[in-house]
Amino acid sequence: MATAEQHHILDLPTFDKPVKLAFVVSPYYKDIAENLIAGARAKADACKAKVEIIEVPGALEIPPAIRIAHRQSNFDGFVALGCVIRGETTHYETVCNDSSRGLMHLGILGANIGNGILTVENRAQAEVRCDPAGYDAGGGAAAAALHLIALSRKFGNESKGIGFGRPLDEDDDGSFQIA
């Protein structure tokens, strides 16, 4: 971690209406997950957001769980929390790439997601990054989700067409068709 670098952290947004967050957590490394949750909960509490914790077996299950909750519930946003530590096989790359790609895809489709899935070389790196009093990756992920919620509320559900075409609507299967 580059300790000499200065980073600008945005102030947390404020909300007129209550916020409901889902923390989708893989407790594979339970102590790391608990620290990520603690950091995320502190940010959620600072914005008076309600939190529900959803546990899944591993990082690869986080995007599908968010997809299910996004389609079938009333959460305003999601915080993905977990940890992937490099092992002896290429499984690490698969889990890191596919979980990240899945979260990005869901975000582009409209889910407000903060990514707090740690991808590290060793346990020591994970311990530093999950510490709520240190790097606070969980808090950063919650803050990201809260900022996206604020942005989506700012612009509302207004649908503006692209060029001369009609607006795009999401089908039940998640694909987009011209309306």
N, C-alpha and C. Protein backbone atom coordinates (compact mmCIF):
# COMPACT_ATOMS: atom_id res chain seq x y z
N MET A 1 0.85 -1.18 0.00
CA MET A 1 0.00 0.00 0.00
C MET A 1 0.88 1.22 0.00
N ALA A 2 0.59 2.16 -0.87
CA ALA A 2 1.38 3.38 -0.98
C ALA A 2 0.91 4.37 0.10
N THR A 3 1.62 4.40 1.21
CA THR A 3 1.19 5.22 2.34
C THR A 3 1.49 6.69 2.12
N ALA A 4 2.41 7.04 1.25
CA ALA A 4 2.78 8.44 1.04
C ALA A 4 1.80 9.17 0.13
N GLU A 5 0.97 8.43 -0.58
CA GLU A 5 0.03 9.06 -1.51
C GLU A 5 -1.14 9.69 -0.77
N GLN A 6 -1.63 10.79 -1.32
CA GLN A 6 -2.81 11.46 -0.78
C GLN A 6 -4.00 11.10 -1.66
N HIS A 7 -5.12 10.75 -1.06
CA HIS A 7 -6.33 10.41 -1.79
C HIS A 7 -7.45 11.34 -1.34
N HIS A 8 -8.26 11.75 -2.28
CA HIS A 8 -9.43 12.57 -1.95
C HIS A 8 -10.63 11.65 -1.76
N ILE A 9 -11.24 11.72 -0.62
CA ILE A 9 -12.42 10.91 -0.31
C ILE A 9 -13.63 11.83 -0.30
N LEU A 10 -14.64 11.50 -1.11
CA LEU A 10 -15.86 12.30 -1.16
C LEU A 10 -16.62 12.20 0.16
N ASP A 11 -17.25 13.29 0.55
CA ASP A 11 -18.14 13.25 1.70
C ASP A 11 -19.30 12.31 1.37
N LEU A 12 -19.83 11.66 2.39
CA LEU A 12 -20.98 10.79 2.17
C LEU A 12 -22.18 11.63 1.73
N PRO A 13 -23.01 11.08 0.86
CA PRO A 13 -24.20 11.82 0.44
C PRO A 13 -25.24 11.87 1.56
N THR A 14 -26.18 12.77 1.41
CA THR A 14 -27.31 12.83 2.34
C THR A 14 -28.56 12.43 1.57
N PHE A 15 -29.55 11.93 2.29
CA PHE A 15 -30.75 11.41 1.65
C PHE A 15 -31.99 11.98 2.32
N ASP A 16 -32.99 12.34 1.49
CA ASP A 16 -34.28 12.78 2.00
C ASP A 16 -35.17 11.60 2.36
N LYS A 17 -35.06 10.53 1.56
CA LYS A 17 -35.84 9.32 1.79
C LYS A 17 -34.91 8.24 2.31
N PRO A 18 -35.43 7.31 3.12
CA PRO A 18 -34.59 6.23 3.66
C PRO A 18 -33.93 5.40 2.55
N VAL A 19 -32.78 4.84 2.88
CA VAL A 19 -32.01 3.99 1.97
C VAL A 19 -31.99 2.57 2.54
N LYS A 20 -32.17 1.60 1.66
CA LYS A 20 -32.12 0.19 2.06
C LYS A 20 -31.00 -0.48 1.28
N LEU A 21 -29.99 -0.98 2.00
CA LEU A 21 -28.84 -1.64 1.40
C LEU A 21 -28.84 -3.13 1.71
N ALA A 22 -28.35 -3.90 0.74
CA ALA A 22 -28.07 -5.32 0.98
C ALA A 22 -26.57 -5.49 0.95
N PHE A 23 -26.02 -6.02 2.02
CA PHE A 23 -24.61 -6.42 2.04
C PHE A 23 -24.60 -7.89 1.61
N VAL A 24 -24.05 -8.16 0.44
CA VAL A 24 -23.97 -9.53 -0.04
C VAL A 24 -22.55 -10.00 0.24
N VAL A 25 -22.44 -10.96 1.16
CA VAL A 25 -21.16 -11.30 1.77
C VAL A 25 -20.82 -12.77 1.57
N SER A 26 -19.55 -13.00 1.22
CA SER A 26 -19.00 -14.34 1.26
C SER A 26 -18.13 -14.43 2.51
N PRO A 27 -18.57 -15.21 3.51
CA PRO A 27 -17.79 -15.32 4.75
C PRO A 27 -16.74 -16.43 4.70
N TYR A 28 -16.22 -16.72 3.51
CA TYR A 28 -15.22 -17.78 3.35
C TYR A 28 -14.05 -17.59 4.32
N TYR A 29 -13.56 -16.35 4.41
CA TYR A 29 -12.59 -15.97 5.44
C TYR A 29 -13.38 -15.12 6.44
N LYS A 30 -13.94 -15.79 7.44
CA LYS A 30 -14.93 -15.17 8.33
C LYS A 30 -14.43 -13.91 9.03
N ASP A 31 -13.21 -13.92 9.56
CA ASP A 31 -12.70 -12.74 10.26
C ASP A 31 -12.53 -11.55 9.32
N ILE A 32 -12.11 -11.80 8.12
CA ILE A 32 -11.95 -10.72 7.13
C ILE A 32 -13.33 -10.19 6.74
N ALA A 33 -14.27 -11.09 6.51
CA ALA A 33 -15.64 -10.69 6.16
C ALA A 33 -16.27 -9.85 7.28
N GLU A 34 -16.05 -10.24 8.52
CA GLU A 34 -16.62 -9.48 9.64
C GLU A 34 -16.06 -8.06 9.70
N ASN A 35 -14.76 -7.90 9.42
CA ASN A 35 -14.18 -6.56 9.38
C ASN A 35 -14.73 -5.75 8.21
N LEU A 36 -14.90 -6.39 7.05
CA LEU A 36 -15.48 -5.69 5.91
C LEU A 36 -16.90 -5.22 6.24
N ILE A 37 -17.68 -6.09 6.88
CA ILE A 37 -19.05 -5.74 7.28
C ILE A 37 -19.03 -4.58 8.27
N ALA A 38 -18.12 -4.61 9.24
CA ALA A 38 -18.06 -3.54 10.24
C ALA A 38 -17.79 -2.18 9.59
N GLY A 39 -16.86 -2.15 8.65
CA GLY A 39 -16.56 -0.89 7.96
C GLY A 39 -17.74 -0.43 7.12
N ALA A 40 -18.38 -1.36 6.41
CA ALA A 40 -19.52 -1.01 5.57
C ALA A 40 -20.69 -0.55 6.42
N ARG A 41 -20.91 -1.22 7.56
CA ARG A 41 -22.03 -0.84 8.43
C ARG A 41 -21.84 0.57 8.99
N ALA A 42 -20.61 0.93 9.32
CA ALA A 42 -20.35 2.28 9.84
C ALA A 42 -20.75 3.35 8.82
N LYS A 43 -20.43 3.13 7.55
CA LYS A 43 -20.82 4.09 6.50
C LYS A 43 -22.33 4.10 6.31
N ALA A 44 -22.95 2.93 6.32
CA ALA A 44 -24.40 2.85 6.18
C ALA A 44 -25.08 3.57 7.35
N ASP A 45 -24.58 3.34 8.56
CA ASP A 45 -25.15 3.99 9.75
C ASP A 45 -25.02 5.51 9.66
N ALA A 46 -23.89 5.98 9.12
CA ALA A 46 -23.68 7.43 8.99
C ALA A 46 -24.72 8.06 8.08
N CYS A 47 -25.27 7.28 7.16
CA CYS A 47 -26.32 7.78 6.25
C CYS A 47 -27.71 7.30 6.67
N LYS A 48 -27.80 6.70 7.86
CA LYS A 48 -29.06 6.17 8.39
C LYS A 48 -29.71 5.16 7.44
N ALA A 49 -28.88 4.40 6.75
CA ALA A 49 -29.38 3.38 5.83
C ALA A 49 -29.71 2.10 6.59
N LYS A 50 -30.76 1.44 6.17
CA LYS A 50 -31.11 0.13 6.72
C LYS A 50 -30.29 -0.90 5.96
N VAL A 51 -29.86 -1.93 6.69
CA VAL A 51 -28.98 -2.94 6.11
C VAL A 51 -29.54 -4.33 6.33
N GLU A 52 -29.47 -5.14 5.29
CA GLU A 52 -29.76 -6.57 5.40
C GLU A 52 -28.53 -7.31 4.89
N ILE A 53 -28.11 -8.31 5.62
CA ILE A 53 -26.95 -9.10 5.22
C ILE A 53 -27.41 -10.39 4.57
N ILE A 54 -26.87 -10.65 3.39
CA ILE A 54 -27.16 -11.86 2.64
C ILE A 54 -25.83 -12.60 2.49
N GLU A 55 -25.76 -13.83 2.98
CA GLU A 55 -24.52 -14.61 2.88
C GLU A 55 -24.61 -15.61 1.73
N VAL A 56 -23.48 -15.74 1.02
CA VAL A 56 -23.34 -16.71 -0.06
C VAL A 56 -22.03 -17.46 0.15
N PRO A 57 -21.86 -18.64 -0.46
CA PRO A 57 -20.67 -19.45 -0.18
C PRO A 57 -19.34 -18.81 -0.59
N GLY A 58 -19.29 -18.18 -1.75
CA GLY A 58 -18.02 -17.64 -2.23
C GLY A 58 -18.21 -16.41 -3.08
N ALA A 59 -17.09 -15.83 -3.51
CA ALA A 59 -17.13 -14.59 -4.30
C ALA A 59 -17.86 -14.76 -5.63
N LEU A 60 -17.77 -15.94 -6.22
CA LEU A 60 -18.46 -16.16 -7.49
C LEU A 60 -19.98 -16.12 -7.35
N GLU A 61 -20.48 -16.37 -6.17
CA GLU A 61 -21.94 -16.35 -5.97
C GLU A 61 -22.46 -14.96 -5.65
N ILE A 62 -21.60 -14.01 -5.40
CA ILE A 62 -22.04 -12.65 -5.06
C ILE A 62 -22.81 -11.99 -6.21
N PRO A 63 -22.28 -11.95 -7.45
CA PRO A 63 -23.06 -11.31 -8.52
C PRO A 63 -24.42 -11.98 -8.77
N PRO A 64 -24.51 -13.31 -8.84
CA PRO A 64 -25.86 -13.88 -9.03
C PRO A 64 -26.82 -13.55 -7.88
N ALA A 65 -26.31 -13.52 -6.65
CA ALA A 65 -27.17 -13.19 -5.51
C ALA A 65 -27.66 -11.74 -5.63
N ILE A 66 -26.79 -10.84 -6.05
CA ILE A 66 -27.21 -9.45 -6.25
C ILE A 66 -28.24 -9.37 -7.37
N ARG A 67 -28.03 -10.11 -8.42
CA ARG A 67 -28.99 -10.12 -9.53
C ARG A 67 -30.37 -10.57 -9.05
N ILE A 68 -30.41 -11.61 -8.27
CA ILE A 68 -31.69 -12.11 -7.74
C ILE A 68 -32.34 -11.03 -6.86
N ALA A 69 -31.57 -10.48 -5.94
CA ALA A 69 -32.12 -9.47 -5.02
C ALA A 69 -32.52 -8.19 -5.76
N HIS A 70 -31.75 -7.81 -6.76
CA HIS A 70 -32.06 -6.60 -7.54
C HIS A 70 -33.38 -6.76 -8.29
N ARG A 71 -33.62 -7.94 -8.82
CA ARG A 71 -34.83 -8.19 -9.60
C ARG A 71 -36.05 -8.46 -8.72
N GLN A 72 -35.85 -9.02 -7.52
CA GLN A 72 -36.98 -9.51 -6.76
C GLN A 72 -37.18 -8.83 -5.41
N SER A 73 -36.50 -7.71 -5.18
CA SER A 73 -36.64 -7.04 -3.89
C SER A 73 -36.67 -5.53 -4.08
N ASN A 74 -36.64 -4.82 -2.99
CA ASN A 74 -36.71 -3.36 -3.07
C ASN A 74 -35.47 -2.68 -2.49
N PHE A 75 -34.30 -3.28 -2.66
CA PHE A 75 -33.07 -2.65 -2.19
C PHE A 75 -32.70 -1.48 -3.11
N ASP A 76 -32.19 -0.42 -2.50
CA ASP A 76 -31.70 0.72 -3.27
C ASP A 76 -30.31 0.46 -3.82
N GLY A 77 -29.54 -0.35 -3.10
CA GLY A 77 -28.17 -0.62 -3.52
C GLY A 77 -27.60 -1.84 -2.83
N PHE A 78 -26.42 -2.21 -3.28
CA PHE A 78 -25.78 -3.44 -2.83
C PHE A 78 -24.31 -3.19 -2.53
N VAL A 79 -23.81 -3.89 -1.51
CA VAL A 79 -22.40 -3.83 -1.17
C VAL A 79 -21.88 -5.27 -1.22
N ALA A 80 -20.98 -5.51 -2.18
CA ALA A 80 -20.39 -6.83 -2.36
C ALA A 80 -19.16 -6.94 -1.47
N LEU A 81 -19.16 -7.92 -0.56
CA LEU A 81 -18.06 -8.07 0.40
C LEU A 81 -17.54 -9.50 0.43
N GLY A 82 -16.25 -9.63 0.31
CA GLY A 82 -15.62 -10.94 0.36
C GLY A 82 -14.13 -10.79 0.15
N CYS A 83 -13.46 -11.92 0.06
CA CYS A 83 -12.01 -11.90 -0.10
C CYS A 83 -11.56 -13.11 -0.91
N VAL A 84 -10.67 -12.83 -1.86
CA VAL A 84 -10.07 -13.89 -2.66
C VAL A 84 -8.55 -13.76 -2.46
N ILE A 85 -7.95 -14.81 -1.90
CA ILE A 85 -6.50 -14.82 -1.67
C ILE A 85 -5.86 -15.77 -2.68
N ARG A 86 -4.80 -15.28 -3.34
CA ARG A 86 -4.14 -16.10 -4.36
C ARG A 86 -3.69 -17.43 -3.76
N GLY A 87 -3.95 -18.48 -4.50
CA GLY A 87 -3.52 -19.83 -4.11
C GLY A 87 -2.50 -20.36 -5.10
N GLU A 88 -2.46 -21.65 -5.23
CA GLU A 88 -1.46 -22.30 -6.08
C GLU A 88 -1.94 -22.56 -7.50
N THR A 89 -3.21 -22.27 -7.78
CA THR A 89 -3.75 -22.56 -9.11
C THR A 89 -4.30 -21.30 -9.77
N THR A 90 -4.73 -21.43 -11.01
CA THR A 90 -5.29 -20.30 -11.74
C THR A 90 -6.74 -20.00 -11.33
N HIS A 91 -7.28 -20.76 -10.40
CA HIS A 91 -8.64 -20.51 -9.92
C HIS A 91 -8.77 -19.07 -9.40
N TYR A 92 -7.71 -18.54 -8.82
CA TYR A 92 -7.70 -17.16 -8.31
C TYR A 92 -8.10 -16.17 -9.40
N GLU A 93 -7.47 -16.28 -10.58
CA GLU A 93 -7.78 -15.36 -11.67
C GLU A 93 -9.23 -15.49 -12.12
N THR A 94 -9.72 -16.71 -12.19
CA THR A 94 -11.11 -16.93 -12.58
C THR A 94 -12.06 -16.26 -11.61
N VAL A 95 -11.86 -16.49 -10.33
CA VAL A 95 -12.76 -15.92 -9.32
C VAL A 95 -12.68 -14.40 -9.32
N CYS A 96 -11.47 -13.85 -9.36
CA CYS A 96 -11.31 -12.38 -9.36
C CYS A 96 -11.97 -11.76 -10.59
N ASN A 97 -11.62 -12.29 -11.76
CA ASN A 97 -12.12 -11.70 -13.01
C ASN A 97 -13.63 -11.86 -13.16
N ASP A 98 -14.14 -13.05 -12.89
CA ASP A 98 -15.56 -13.29 -13.11
C ASP A 98 -16.44 -12.58 -12.09
N SER A 99 -16.02 -12.51 -10.85
CA SER A 99 -16.84 -11.79 -9.86
C SER A 99 -16.84 -10.29 -10.18
N SER A 100 -15.70 -9.75 -10.53
CA SER A 100 -15.62 -8.33 -10.88
C SER A 100 -16.43 -8.02 -12.14
N ARG A 101 -16.28 -8.86 -13.14
CA ARG A 101 -17.03 -8.67 -14.40
C ARG A 101 -18.53 -8.75 -14.15
N GLY A 102 -18.94 -9.70 -13.32
CA GLY A 102 -20.37 -9.83 -13.00
C GLY A 102 -20.92 -8.60 -12.31
N LEU A 103 -20.16 -8.07 -11.36
CA LEU A 103 -20.61 -6.86 -10.66
C LEU A 103 -20.68 -5.66 -11.61
N MET A 104 -19.69 -5.52 -12.48
CA MET A 104 -19.69 -4.41 -13.43
C MET A 104 -20.88 -4.52 -14.39
N HIS A 105 -21.15 -5.72 -14.84
CA HIS A 105 -22.29 -5.93 -15.74
C HIS A 105 -23.60 -5.52 -15.07
N LEU A 106 -23.77 -5.94 -13.83
CA LEU A 106 -24.99 -5.57 -13.10
C LEU A 106 -25.07 -4.07 -12.88
N GLY A 107 -23.94 -3.44 -12.61
CA GLY A 107 -23.92 -2.00 -12.44
C GLY A 107 -24.31 -1.26 -13.71
N ILE A 108 -23.81 -1.72 -14.83
CA ILE A 108 -24.17 -1.10 -16.11
C ILE A 108 -25.65 -1.28 -16.39
N LEU A 109 -26.23 -2.37 -15.93
CA LEU A 109 -27.66 -2.61 -16.11
C LEU A 109 -28.52 -1.84 -15.11
N GLY A 110 -27.90 -1.14 -14.17
CA GLY A 110 -28.67 -0.27 -13.29
C GLY A 110 -28.63 -0.57 -11.81
N ALA A 111 -27.95 -1.62 -11.39
CA ALA A 111 -27.85 -1.90 -9.95
C ALA A 111 -26.78 -0.99 -9.35
N ASN A 112 -27.06 -0.42 -8.20
CA ASN A 112 -26.11 0.45 -7.50
C ASN A 112 -25.26 -0.43 -6.59
N ILE A 113 -24.01 -0.68 -7.01
CA ILE A 113 -23.16 -1.66 -6.33
C ILE A 113 -21.83 -1.05 -5.94
N GLY A 114 -21.44 -1.27 -4.69
CA GLY A 114 -20.09 -0.97 -4.24
C GLY A 114 -19.33 -2.28 -4.15
N ASN A 115 -18.17 -2.35 -4.81
CA ASN A 115 -17.40 -3.59 -4.85
C ASN A 115 -16.37 -3.61 -3.73
N GLY A 116 -16.62 -4.45 -2.73
CA GLY A 116 -15.69 -4.63 -1.63
C GLY A 116 -15.15 -6.04 -1.58
N ILE A 117 -14.99 -6.67 -2.74
CA ILE A 117 -14.38 -7.99 -2.79
C ILE A 117 -12.87 -7.78 -2.90
N LEU A 118 -12.17 -8.14 -1.84
CA LEU A 118 -10.71 -8.00 -1.84
C LEU A 118 -10.10 -9.07 -2.73
N THR A 119 -9.12 -8.70 -3.52
CA THR A 119 -8.36 -9.65 -4.34
C THR A 119 -6.89 -9.40 -4.01
N VAL A 120 -6.32 -10.30 -3.22
CA VAL A 120 -5.00 -10.06 -2.65
C VAL A 120 -4.08 -11.26 -2.83
N GLU A 121 -2.81 -11.00 -2.64
CA GLU A 121 -1.78 -12.03 -2.78
C GLU A 121 -1.67 -12.91 -1.53
N ASN A 122 -1.98 -12.33 -0.35
CA ASN A 122 -1.80 -13.09 0.90
C ASN A 122 -2.71 -12.54 1.99
N ARG A 123 -2.79 -13.28 3.06
CA ARG A 123 -3.67 -12.91 4.18
C ARG A 123 -3.29 -11.57 4.79
N ALA A 124 -2.01 -11.28 4.91
CA ALA A 124 -1.57 -10.01 5.50
C ALA A 124 -2.14 -8.82 4.72
N GLN A 125 -2.14 -8.90 3.40
CA GLN A 125 -2.72 -7.82 2.59
C GLN A 125 -4.22 -7.70 2.87
N ALA A 126 -4.89 -8.81 2.99
CA ALA A 126 -6.33 -8.79 3.27
C ALA A 126 -6.61 -8.15 4.62
N GLU A 127 -5.82 -8.50 5.62
CA GLU A 127 -6.03 -7.95 6.97
C GLU A 127 -5.87 -6.44 7.00
N VAL A 128 -4.92 -5.91 6.26
CA VAL A 128 -4.72 -4.46 6.18
C VAL A 128 -5.91 -3.80 5.48
N ARG A 129 -6.36 -4.38 4.39
CA ARG A 129 -7.41 -3.77 3.58
C ARG A 129 -8.80 -3.87 4.21
N CYS A 130 -9.03 -4.86 5.04
CA CYS A 130 -10.36 -5.01 5.64
C CYS A 130 -10.51 -4.26 6.96
N ASP A 131 -9.43 -3.78 7.52
CA ASP A 131 -9.45 -3.13 8.83
C ASP A 131 -10.25 -1.82 8.77
N PRO A 132 -11.38 -1.73 9.51
CA PRO A 132 -12.18 -0.50 9.49
C PRO A 132 -11.41 0.73 9.99
N ALA A 133 -10.38 0.51 10.81
CA ALA A 133 -9.58 1.64 11.30
C ALA A 133 -8.41 1.95 10.37
N GLY A 134 -8.27 1.15 9.32
CA GLY A 134 -7.16 1.35 8.38
C GLY A 134 -7.67 1.66 7.00
N TYR A 135 -7.35 0.81 6.06
CA TYR A 135 -7.73 1.00 4.66
C TYR A 135 -9.25 1.02 4.48
N ASP A 136 -9.97 0.21 5.23
CA ASP A 136 -11.44 0.18 5.28
C ASP A 136 -12.09 -0.07 3.92
N ALA A 137 -11.74 -1.17 3.29
CA ALA A 137 -12.33 -1.51 2.00
C ALA A 137 -13.85 -1.70 2.09
N GLY A 138 -14.34 -2.23 3.20
CA GLY A 138 -15.78 -2.39 3.37
C GLY A 138 -16.49 -1.05 3.41
N GLY A 139 -15.92 -0.11 4.16
CA GLY A 139 -16.49 1.23 4.22
C GLY A 139 -16.45 1.92 2.87
N GLY A 140 -15.36 1.72 2.13
CA GLY A 140 -15.25 2.31 0.80
C GLY A 140 -16.29 1.76 -0.15
N ALA A 141 -16.55 0.46 -0.06
CA ALA A 141 -17.55 -0.16 -0.92
C ALA A 141 -18.95 0.37 -0.59
N ALA A 142 -19.25 0.50 0.70
CA ALA A 142 -20.55 1.04 1.10
C ALA A 142 -20.70 2.48 0.64
N ALA A 143 -19.64 3.27 0.79
CA ALA A 143 -19.69 4.66 0.33
C ALA A 143 -19.94 4.72 -1.17
N ALA A 144 -19.29 3.84 -1.93
CA ALA A 144 -19.50 3.82 -3.38
C ALA A 144 -20.96 3.52 -3.71
N ALA A 145 -21.55 2.53 -3.05
CA ALA A 145 -22.96 2.21 -3.29
C ALA A 145 -23.85 3.39 -2.93
N LEU A 146 -23.57 4.04 -1.81
CA LEU A 146 -24.37 5.20 -1.38
C LEU A 146 -24.28 6.35 -2.38
N HIS A 147 -23.09 6.58 -2.92
CA HIS A 147 -22.93 7.63 -3.93
C HIS A 147 -23.72 7.31 -5.21
N LEU A 148 -23.71 6.04 -5.60
CA LEU A 148 -24.48 5.65 -6.78
C LEU A 148 -25.98 5.77 -6.55
N ILE A 149 -26.43 5.44 -5.36
CA ILE A 149 -27.84 5.61 -5.01
C ILE A 149 -28.22 7.09 -5.10
N ALA A 150 -27.37 7.94 -4.53
CA ALA A 150 -27.64 9.39 -4.58
C ALA A 150 -27.69 9.87 -6.03
N LEU A 151 -26.80 9.39 -6.86
CA LEU A 151 -26.78 9.78 -8.26
C LEU A 151 -28.03 9.31 -8.98
N SER A 152 -28.44 8.07 -8.73
CA SER A 152 -29.64 7.56 -9.39
C SER A 152 -30.88 8.31 -8.92
N ARG A 153 -30.91 8.70 -7.67
CA ARG A 153 -32.06 9.48 -7.18
C ARG A 153 -32.04 10.90 -7.75
N LYS A 154 -30.87 11.44 -7.94
CA LYS A 154 -30.75 12.79 -8.51
C LYS A 154 -31.36 12.83 -9.91
N PHE A 155 -31.07 11.82 -10.72
CA PHE A 155 -31.55 11.80 -12.09
C PHE A 155 -32.89 11.11 -12.24
N GLY A 156 -33.36 10.45 -11.21
CA GLY A 156 -34.67 9.82 -11.21
C GLY A 156 -34.78 8.71 -12.21
N ASN A 157 -35.99 8.33 -12.52
CA ASN A 157 -36.24 7.23 -13.46
C ASN A 157 -36.53 7.73 -14.86
N GLU A 158 -36.15 8.96 -15.14
CA GLU A 158 -36.40 9.55 -16.44
C GLU A 158 -35.68 8.76 -17.53
N SER A 159 -36.38 8.41 -18.58
CA SER A 159 -35.78 7.67 -19.68
C SER A 159 -35.65 8.59 -20.87
N LYS A 160 -34.43 8.83 -21.29
CA LYS A 160 -34.17 9.67 -22.45
C LYS A 160 -33.70 8.78 -23.58
N GLY A 161 -34.27 8.97 -24.75
CA GLY A 161 -33.89 8.17 -25.90
C GLY A 161 -32.46 8.46 -26.34
N ILE A 162 -31.95 7.62 -27.20
CA ILE A 162 -30.63 7.80 -27.77
C ILE A 162 -30.82 8.25 -29.20
N GLY A 163 -30.35 9.43 -29.52
CA GLY A 163 -30.49 9.94 -30.89
C GLY A 163 -31.96 10.05 -31.27
N PHE A 164 -32.30 9.54 -32.45
CA PHE A 164 -33.68 9.61 -32.92
C PHE A 164 -34.48 8.36 -32.56
N GLY A 165 -33.81 7.38 -31.95
CA GLY A 165 -34.48 6.13 -31.60
C GLY A 165 -35.34 6.29 -30.37
N ARG A 166 -36.08 5.26 -30.09
CA ARG A 166 -36.89 5.22 -28.89
C ARG A 166 -36.04 4.72 -27.73
N PRO A 167 -36.47 4.96 -26.49
CA PRO A 167 -35.69 4.49 -25.33
C PRO A 167 -35.59 2.97 -25.30
N LEU A 168 -34.54 2.49 -24.66
CA LEU A 168 -34.36 1.06 -24.49
C LEU A 168 -35.02 0.62 -23.20
N ASP A 169 -35.65 -0.53 -23.23
CA ASP A 169 -36.26 -1.11 -22.03
C ASP A 169 -35.61 -2.45 -21.76
N GLU A 170 -35.42 -2.74 -20.46
CA GLU A 170 -34.85 -4.03 -20.08
C GLU A 170 -35.95 -5.07 -20.11
N ASP A 171 -35.69 -6.18 -20.81
CA ASP A 171 -36.63 -7.30 -20.83
C ASP A 171 -36.49 -8.11 -19.55
N ASP A 172 -37.41 -9.03 -19.33
CA ASP A 172 -37.37 -9.88 -18.14
C ASP A 172 -36.09 -10.69 -18.04
N ASP A 173 -35.46 -11.02 -19.17
CA ASP A 173 -34.26 -11.81 -19.14
C ASP A 173 -32.99 -10.98 -18.98
N GLY A 174 -33.15 -9.66 -18.80
CA GLY A 174 -31.99 -8.79 -18.59
C GLY A 174 -31.44 -8.21 -19.87
N SER A 175 -31.94 -8.64 -21.02
CA SER A 175 -31.48 -8.09 -22.29
C SER A 175 -32.25 -6.80 -22.59
N PHE A 176 -31.77 -6.07 -23.55
CA PHE A 176 -32.39 -4.81 -23.88
C PHE A 176 -33.01 -4.88 -25.29
N GLN A 177 -34.18 -4.33 -25.41
CA GLN A 177 -34.87 -4.27 -26.68
C GLN A 177 -35.33 -2.83 -26.90
N ILE A 178 -35.48 -2.44 -28.13
CA ILE A 178 -36.01 -1.12 -28.42
C ILE A 178 -37.49 -1.13 -28.06
N ALA A 179 -37.90 -0.11 -27.30
CA ALA A 179 -39.28 -0.05 -26.82
C ALA A 179 -40.24 0.35 -27.92
